[in-house]
């Protein structure tokens, strides 16, 4: 399993032997735990959408 090539920066990966720092294209060591969105072949993370805040309008206000 490899870290995605389009990753900007580094990832700290916990392994049984300690913590390693990986960059884009690096191989994840055996026993390393990495979120699926950081590895090659994973689907891109869904972008958050802005939520519409509801509520009543102040008296006398209109569009």
PDB file of N, CA and C in Angstrom:
ATOM      1  N   UNK A   1       0.854  -1.161   0.000  1.00  0.00           N
ATOM      2  CA  UNK A   1       0.000   0.000   0.000  1.00  0.00           C
ATOM      3  C   UNK A   1       0.905   1.230   0.000  1.00  0.00           C
ATOM      4  N   UNK A   2       0.557   2.212  -0.862  1.00  0.00           N
ATOM      5  CA  UNK A   2       1.374   3.413  -1.005  1.00  0.00           C
ATOM      6  C   UNK A   2       0.546   4.656  -0.706  1.00  0.00           C
ATOM      7  N   UNK A   3       1.233   5.696  -0.223  1.00  0.00           N
ATOM      8  CA  UNK A   3       0.598   6.990   0.009  1.00  0.00           C
ATOM      9  C   UNK A   3       0.314   7.637  -1.351  1.00  0.00           C
ATOM     10  N   UNK A   4      -0.832   8.286  -1.456  1.00  0.00           N
ATOM     11  CA  UNK A   4      -1.239   8.920  -2.718  1.00  0.00           C
ATOM     12  C   UNK A   4      -0.166   9.874  -3.237  1.00  0.00           C
ATOM     13  N   UNK A   5      -0.003   9.902  -4.558  1.00  0.00           N
ATOM     14  CA  UNK A   5       0.985  10.768  -5.193  1.00  0.00           C
ATOM     15  C   UNK A   5       0.607  12.251  -5.126  1.00  0.00           C
ATOM     16  N   UNK A   6      -0.676  12.549  -4.951  1.00  0.00           N
ATOM     17  CA  UNK A   6      -1.108  13.948  -4.935  1.00  0.00           C
ATOM     18  C   UNK A   6      -1.170  14.544  -3.527  1.00  0.00           C
ATOM     19  N   UNK A   7      -0.626  13.843  -2.555  1.00  0.00           N
ATOM     20  CA  UNK A   7      -0.620  14.340  -1.182  1.00  0.00           C
ATOM     21  C   UNK A   7       0.407  15.454  -1.035  1.00  0.00           C
ATOM     22  N   UNK A   8      -0.012  16.560  -0.466  1.00  0.00           N
ATOM     23  CA  UNK A   8       0.914  17.657  -0.150  1.00  0.00           C
ATOM     24  C   UNK A   8       1.250  17.550   1.328  1.00  0.00           C
ATOM     25  N   UNK A   9       2.519  17.454   1.645  1.00  0.00           N
ATOM     26  CA  UNK A   9       2.941  17.364   3.041  1.00  0.00           C
ATOM     27  C   UNK A   9       3.348  15.958   3.413  1.00  0.00           C
ATOM     28  N   UNK A  10       3.207  15.658   4.699  1.00  0.00           N
ATOM     29  CA  UNK A  10       3.616  14.353   5.208  1.00  0.00           C
ATOM     30  C   UNK A  10       2.523  13.744   6.075  1.00  0.00           C
ATOM     31  N   UNK A  11       2.673  12.454   6.341  1.00  0.00           N
ATOM     32  CA  UNK A  11       1.738  11.698   7.167  1.00  0.00           C
ATOM     33  C   UNK A  11       2.537  10.970   8.241  1.00  0.00           C
ATOM     34  N   UNK A  12       2.097  11.059   9.476  1.00  0.00           N
ATOM     35  CA  UNK A  12       2.718  10.308  10.568  1.00  0.00           C
ATOM     36  C   UNK A  12       1.963   8.989  10.692  1.00  0.00           C
ATOM     37  N   UNK A  13       2.691   7.876  10.543  1.00  0.00           N
ATOM     38  CA  UNK A  13       2.081   6.554  10.544  1.00  0.00           C
ATOM     39  C   UNK A  13       2.577   5.773  11.753  1.00  0.00           C
ATOM     40  N   UNK A  14       1.639   5.231  12.514  1.00  0.00           N
ATOM     41  CA  UNK A  14       1.981   4.417  13.679  1.00  0.00           C
ATOM     42  C   UNK A  14       2.189   2.970  13.244  1.00  0.00           C
ATOM     43  N   UNK A  15       3.319   2.398  13.627  1.00  0.00           N
ATOM     44  CA  UNK A  15       3.643   1.006  13.325  1.00  0.00           C
ATOM     45  C   UNK A  15       3.993   0.315  14.638  1.00  0.00           C
ATOM     46  N   UNK A  16       4.100  -1.002  14.630  1.00  0.00           N
ATOM     47  CA  UNK A  16       4.513  -1.701  15.850  1.00  0.00           C
ATOM     48  C   UNK A  16       5.904  -1.288  16.342  1.00  0.00           C
ATOM     49  N   UNK A  17       6.747  -0.789  15.433  1.00  0.00           N
ATOM     50  CA  UNK A  17       8.107  -0.384  15.796  1.00  0.00           C
ATOM     51  C   UNK A  17       8.228   1.096  16.155  1.00  0.00           C
ATOM     52  N   UNK A  18       7.134   1.836  16.060  1.00  0.00           N
ATOM     53  CA  UNK A  18       7.180   3.264  16.360  1.00  0.00           C
ATOM     54  C   UNK A  18       6.465   4.061  15.289  1.00  0.00           C
ATOM     55  N   UNK A  19       6.778   5.328  15.229  1.00  0.00           N
ATOM     56  CA  UNK A  19       6.134   6.233  14.277  1.00  0.00           C
ATOM     57  C   UNK A  19       7.101   6.537  13.134  1.00  0.00           C
ATOM     58  N   UNK A  20       6.568   6.510  11.900  1.00  0.00           N
ATOM     59  CA  UNK A  20       7.362   6.881  10.730  1.00  0.00           C
ATOM     60  C   UNK A  20       6.654   8.026  10.016  1.00  0.00           C
ATOM     61  N   UNK A  21       7.418   8.846   9.311  1.00  0.00           N
ATOM     62  CA  UNK A  21       6.868   9.963   8.556  1.00  0.00           C
ATOM     63  C   UNK A  21       6.954   9.610   7.074  1.00  0.00           C
ATOM     64  N   UNK A  22       5.819   9.665   6.390  1.00  0.00           N
ATOM     65  CA  UNK A  22       5.759   9.304   4.981  1.00  0.00           C
ATOM     66  C   UNK A  22       5.281  10.489   4.151  1.00  0.00           C
ATOM     67  N   UNK A  23       5.750  10.548   2.917  1.00  0.00           N
ATOM     68  CA  UNK A  23       5.334  11.583   1.966  1.00  0.00           C
ATOM     69  C   UNK A  23       4.682  10.892   0.771  1.00  0.00           C
ATOM     70  N   UNK A  24       4.219  11.680  -0.182  1.00  0.00           N
ATOM     71  CA  UNK A  24       3.561  11.149  -1.374  1.00  0.00           C
ATOM     72  C   UNK A  24       4.427  10.090  -2.051  1.00  0.00           C
ATOM     73  N   UNK A  25       3.812   8.964  -2.404  1.00  0.00           N
ATOM     74  CA  UNK A  25       4.505   7.889  -3.106  1.00  0.00           C
ATOM     75  C   UNK A  25       5.240   6.907  -2.213  1.00  0.00           C
ATOM     76  N   UNK A  26       5.366   7.199  -0.921  1.00  0.00           N
ATOM     77  CA  UNK A  26       6.067   6.289  -0.004  1.00  0.00           C
ATOM     78  C   UNK A  26       5.228   5.055   0.295  1.00  0.00           C
ATOM     79  N   UNK A  27       5.905   3.954   0.503  1.00  0.00           N
ATOM     80  CA  UNK A  27       5.269   2.689   0.855  1.00  0.00           C
ATOM     81  C   UNK A  27       4.955   2.685   2.352  1.00  0.00           C
ATOM     82  N   UNK A  28       3.735   2.252   2.700  1.00  0.00           N
ATOM     83  CA  UNK A  28       3.352   2.144   4.115  1.00  0.00           C
ATOM     84  C   UNK A  28       3.969   0.865   4.666  1.00  0.00           C
ATOM     85  N   UNK A  29       4.727   0.947   5.766  1.00  0.00           N
ATOM     86  CA  UNK A  29       5.364  -0.248   6.326  1.00  0.00           C
ATOM     87  C   UNK A  29       4.349  -1.254   6.853  1.00  0.00           C
ATOM     88  N   UNK A  30       4.777  -2.511   6.942  1.00  0.00           N
ATOM     89  CA  UNK A  30       3.912  -3.558   7.485  1.00  0.00           C
ATOM     90  C   UNK A  30       3.438  -3.166   8.879  1.00  0.00           C
ATOM     91  N   UNK A  31       2.160  -3.327   9.121  1.00  0.00           N
ATOM     92  CA  UNK A  31       1.591  -3.002  10.416  1.00  0.00           C
ATOM     93  C   UNK A  31       1.224  -1.541  10.571  1.00  0.00           C
ATOM     94  N   UNK A  32       1.513  -0.721   9.549  1.00  0.00           N
ATOM     95  CA  UNK A  32       1.181   0.701   9.607  1.00  0.00           C
ATOM     96  C   UNK A  32      -0.310   0.920   9.436  1.00  0.00           C
ATOM     97  N   UNK A  33      -0.848   1.857  10.204  1.00  0.00           N
ATOM     98  CA  UNK A  33      -2.276   2.173  10.131  1.00  0.00           C
ATOM     99  C   UNK A  33      -2.444   3.528   9.468  1.00  0.00           C
ATOM    100  N   UNK A  34      -3.119   3.520   8.303  1.00  0.00           N
ATOM    101  CA  UNK A  34      -3.318   4.738   7.519  1.00  0.00           C
ATOM    102  C   UNK A  34      -4.769   4.792   7.075  1.00  0.00           C
ATOM    103  N   UNK A  35      -5.372   5.968   7.150  1.00  0.00           N
ATOM    104  CA  UNK A  35      -6.744   6.126   6.681  1.00  0.00           C
ATOM    105  C   UNK A  35      -6.806   5.828   5.187  1.00  0.00           C
ATOM    106  N   UNK A  36      -7.876   5.202   4.745  1.00  0.00           N
ATOM    107  CA  UNK A  36      -8.017   4.759   3.360  1.00  0.00           C
ATOM    108  C   UNK A  36      -7.933   5.894   2.346  1.00  0.00           C
ATOM    109  N   UNK A  37      -8.351   7.113   2.704  1.00  0.00           N
ATOM    110  CA  UNK A  37      -8.312   8.211   1.733  1.00  0.00           C
ATOM    111  C   UNK A  37      -6.898   8.678   1.432  1.00  0.00           C
ATOM    112  N   UNK A  38      -5.909   8.218   2.190  1.00  0.00           N
ATOM    113  CA  UNK A  38      -4.524   8.619   1.976  1.00  0.00           C
ATOM    114  C   UNK A  38      -3.741   7.663   1.093  1.00  0.00           C
ATOM    115  N   UNK A  39      -4.334   6.537   0.717  1.00  0.00           N
ATOM    116  CA  UNK A  39      -3.592   5.539  -0.046  1.00  0.00           C
ATOM    117  C   UNK A  39      -4.023   5.510  -1.504  1.00  0.00           C
ATOM    118  N   UNK A  40      -3.120   5.020  -2.349  1.00  0.00           N
ATOM    119  CA  UNK A  40      -3.374   4.910  -3.781  1.00  0.00           C
ATOM    120  C   UNK A  40      -4.578   4.000  -4.001  1.00  0.00           C
ATOM    121  N   UNK A  41      -5.455   4.426  -4.906  1.00  0.00           N
ATOM    122  CA  UNK A  41      -6.624   3.627  -5.247  1.00  0.00           C
ATOM    123  C   UNK A  41      -7.857   3.970  -4.436  1.00  0.00           C
ATOM    124  N   UNK A  42      -7.728   4.828  -3.448  1.00  0.00           N
ATOM    125  CA  UNK A  42      -8.885   5.216  -2.648  1.00  0.00           C
ATOM    126  C   UNK A  42      -9.666   6.303  -3.365  1.00  0.00           C
ATOM    127  N   UNK A  43     -10.958   6.358  -3.101  1.00  0.00           N
ATOM    128  CA  UNK A  43     -11.779   7.419  -3.668  1.00  0.00           C
ATOM    129  C   UNK A  43     -11.455   8.724  -2.954  1.00  0.00           C
ATOM    130  N   UNK A  44     -11.508   9.845  -3.677  1.00  0.00           N
ATOM    131  CA  UNK A  44     -11.251  11.123  -3.023  1.00  0.00           C
ATOM    132  C   UNK A  44     -12.301  11.397  -1.950  1.00  0.00           C
ATOM    133  N   UNK A  45     -11.905  12.107  -0.923  1.00  0.00           N
ATOM    134  CA  UNK A  45     -12.830  12.434   0.151  1.00  0.00           C
ATOM    135  C   UNK A  45     -13.916  13.360  -0.372  1.00  0.00           C
ATOM    136  N   UNK A  46     -15.137  13.149   0.093  1.00  0.00           N
ATOM    137  CA  UNK A  46     -16.242  14.010  -0.311  1.00  0.00           C
ATOM    138  C   UNK A  46     -16.048  15.396   0.282  1.00  0.00           C
ATOM    139  N   UNK A  47     -16.334  16.404  -0.529  1.00  0.00           N
ATOM    140  CA  UNK A  47     -16.200  17.774  -0.045  1.00  0.00           C
ATOM    141  C   UNK A  47     -17.396  18.102   0.836  1.00  0.00           C
ATOM    142  N   UNK A  48     -17.132  18.817   1.890  1.00  0.00           N
ATOM    143  CA  UNK A  48     -18.210  19.240   2.775  1.00  0.00           C
ATOM    144  C   UNK A  48     -19.041  20.302   2.070  1.00  0.00           C
ATOM    145  N   UNK A  49     -20.328  20.232   2.264  1.00  0.00           N
ATOM    146  CA  UNK A  49     -21.207  21.229   1.680  1.00  0.00           C
ATOM    147  C   UNK A  49     -21.668  22.172   2.774  1.00  0.00           C
ATOM    148  N   UNK A  50     -21.852  23.394   2.390  1.00  0.00           N
ATOM    149  CA  UNK A  50     -22.313  24.387   3.360  1.00  0.00           C
ATOM    150  C   UNK A  50     -23.757  24.076   3.732  1.00  0.00           C
ATOM    151  N   UNK A  51     -24.043  24.126   4.996  1.00  0.00           N
ATOM    152  CA  UNK A  51     -25.408  23.880   5.423  1.00  0.00           C
ATOM    153  C   UNK A  51     -26.154  25.201   5.481  1.00  0.00           C
ATOM    154  N   UNK A  52     -27.408  25.141   5.134  1.00  0.00           N
ATOM    155  CA  UNK A  52     -28.231  26.333   5.168  1.00  0.00           C
ATOM    156  C   UNK A  52     -28.757  26.507   6.581  1.00  0.00           C
ATOM    157  N   UNK A  53     -28.531  27.658   7.122  1.00  0.00           N
ATOM    158  CA  UNK A  53     -29.003  27.918   8.479  1.00  0.00           C
ATOM    159  C   UNK A  53     -30.395  28.503   8.391  1.00  0.00           C
ATOM    160  N   UNK A  54     -31.285  27.905   9.108  1.00  0.00           N
ATOM    161  CA  UNK A  54     -32.667  28.385   9.105  1.00  0.00           C
ATOM    162  C   UNK A  54     -32.906  29.365  10.229  1.00  0.00           C
ATOM    163  N   UNK A  55     -34.132  29.719  10.378  1.00  0.00           N
ATOM    164  CA  UNK A  55     -34.509  30.629  11.457  1.00  0.00           C
ATOM    165  C   UNK A  55     -35.445  31.693  10.942  1.00  0.00           C
ATOM    166  N   UNK A  56     -36.019  32.392  11.844  1.00  0.00           N
ATOM    167  CA  UNK A  56     -36.973  33.433  11.476  1.00  0.00           C
ATOM    168  C   UNK A  56     -36.238  34.722  11.166  1.00  0.00           C
ATOM    169  N   UNK A  57     -36.797  35.480  10.259  1.00  0.00           N
ATOM    170  CA  UNK A  57     -36.236  36.790   9.931  1.00  0.00           C
ATOM    171  C   UNK A  57     -36.676  37.807  10.970  1.00  0.00           C
ATOM    172  N   UNK A  58     -35.859  38.800  11.118  1.00  0.00           N
ATOM    173  CA  UNK A  58     -36.206  39.877  12.036  1.00  0.00           C
ATOM    174  C   UNK A  58     -37.405  40.644  11.510  1.00  0.00           C
ATOM    175  N   UNK A  59     -38.226  41.150  12.384  1.00  0.00           N
ATOM    176  CA  UNK A  59     -39.433  41.899  11.983  1.00  0.00           C
ATOM    177  C   UNK A  59     -39.042  43.094  11.122  1.00  0.00           C
ATOM    178  N   UNK A  60     -39.793  43.292  10.032  1.00  0.00           N
ATOM    179  CA  UNK A  60     -39.547  44.430   9.170  1.00  0.00           C
ATOM    180  C   UNK A  60     -38.482  44.216   8.112  1.00  0.00           C
ATOM    181  N   UNK A  61     -37.845  43.079   8.076  1.00  0.00           N
ATOM    182  CA  UNK A  61     -36.804  42.790   7.082  1.00  0.00           C
ATOM    183  C   UNK A  61     -37.421  42.032   5.911  1.00  0.00           C
ATOM    184  N   UNK A  62     -37.020  42.345   4.703  1.00  0.00           N
ATOM    185  CA  UNK A  62     -37.487  41.612   3.528  1.00  0.00           C
ATOM    186  C   UNK A  62     -36.339  41.534   2.532  1.00  0.00           C
ATOM    187  N   UNK A  63     -36.518  40.675   1.525  1.00  0.00           N
ATOM    188  CA  UNK A  63     -35.488  40.505   0.486  1.00  0.00           C
ATOM    189  C   UNK A  63     -35.479  41.627  -0.449  1.00  0.00           C
TER     190      UNK A  63
END
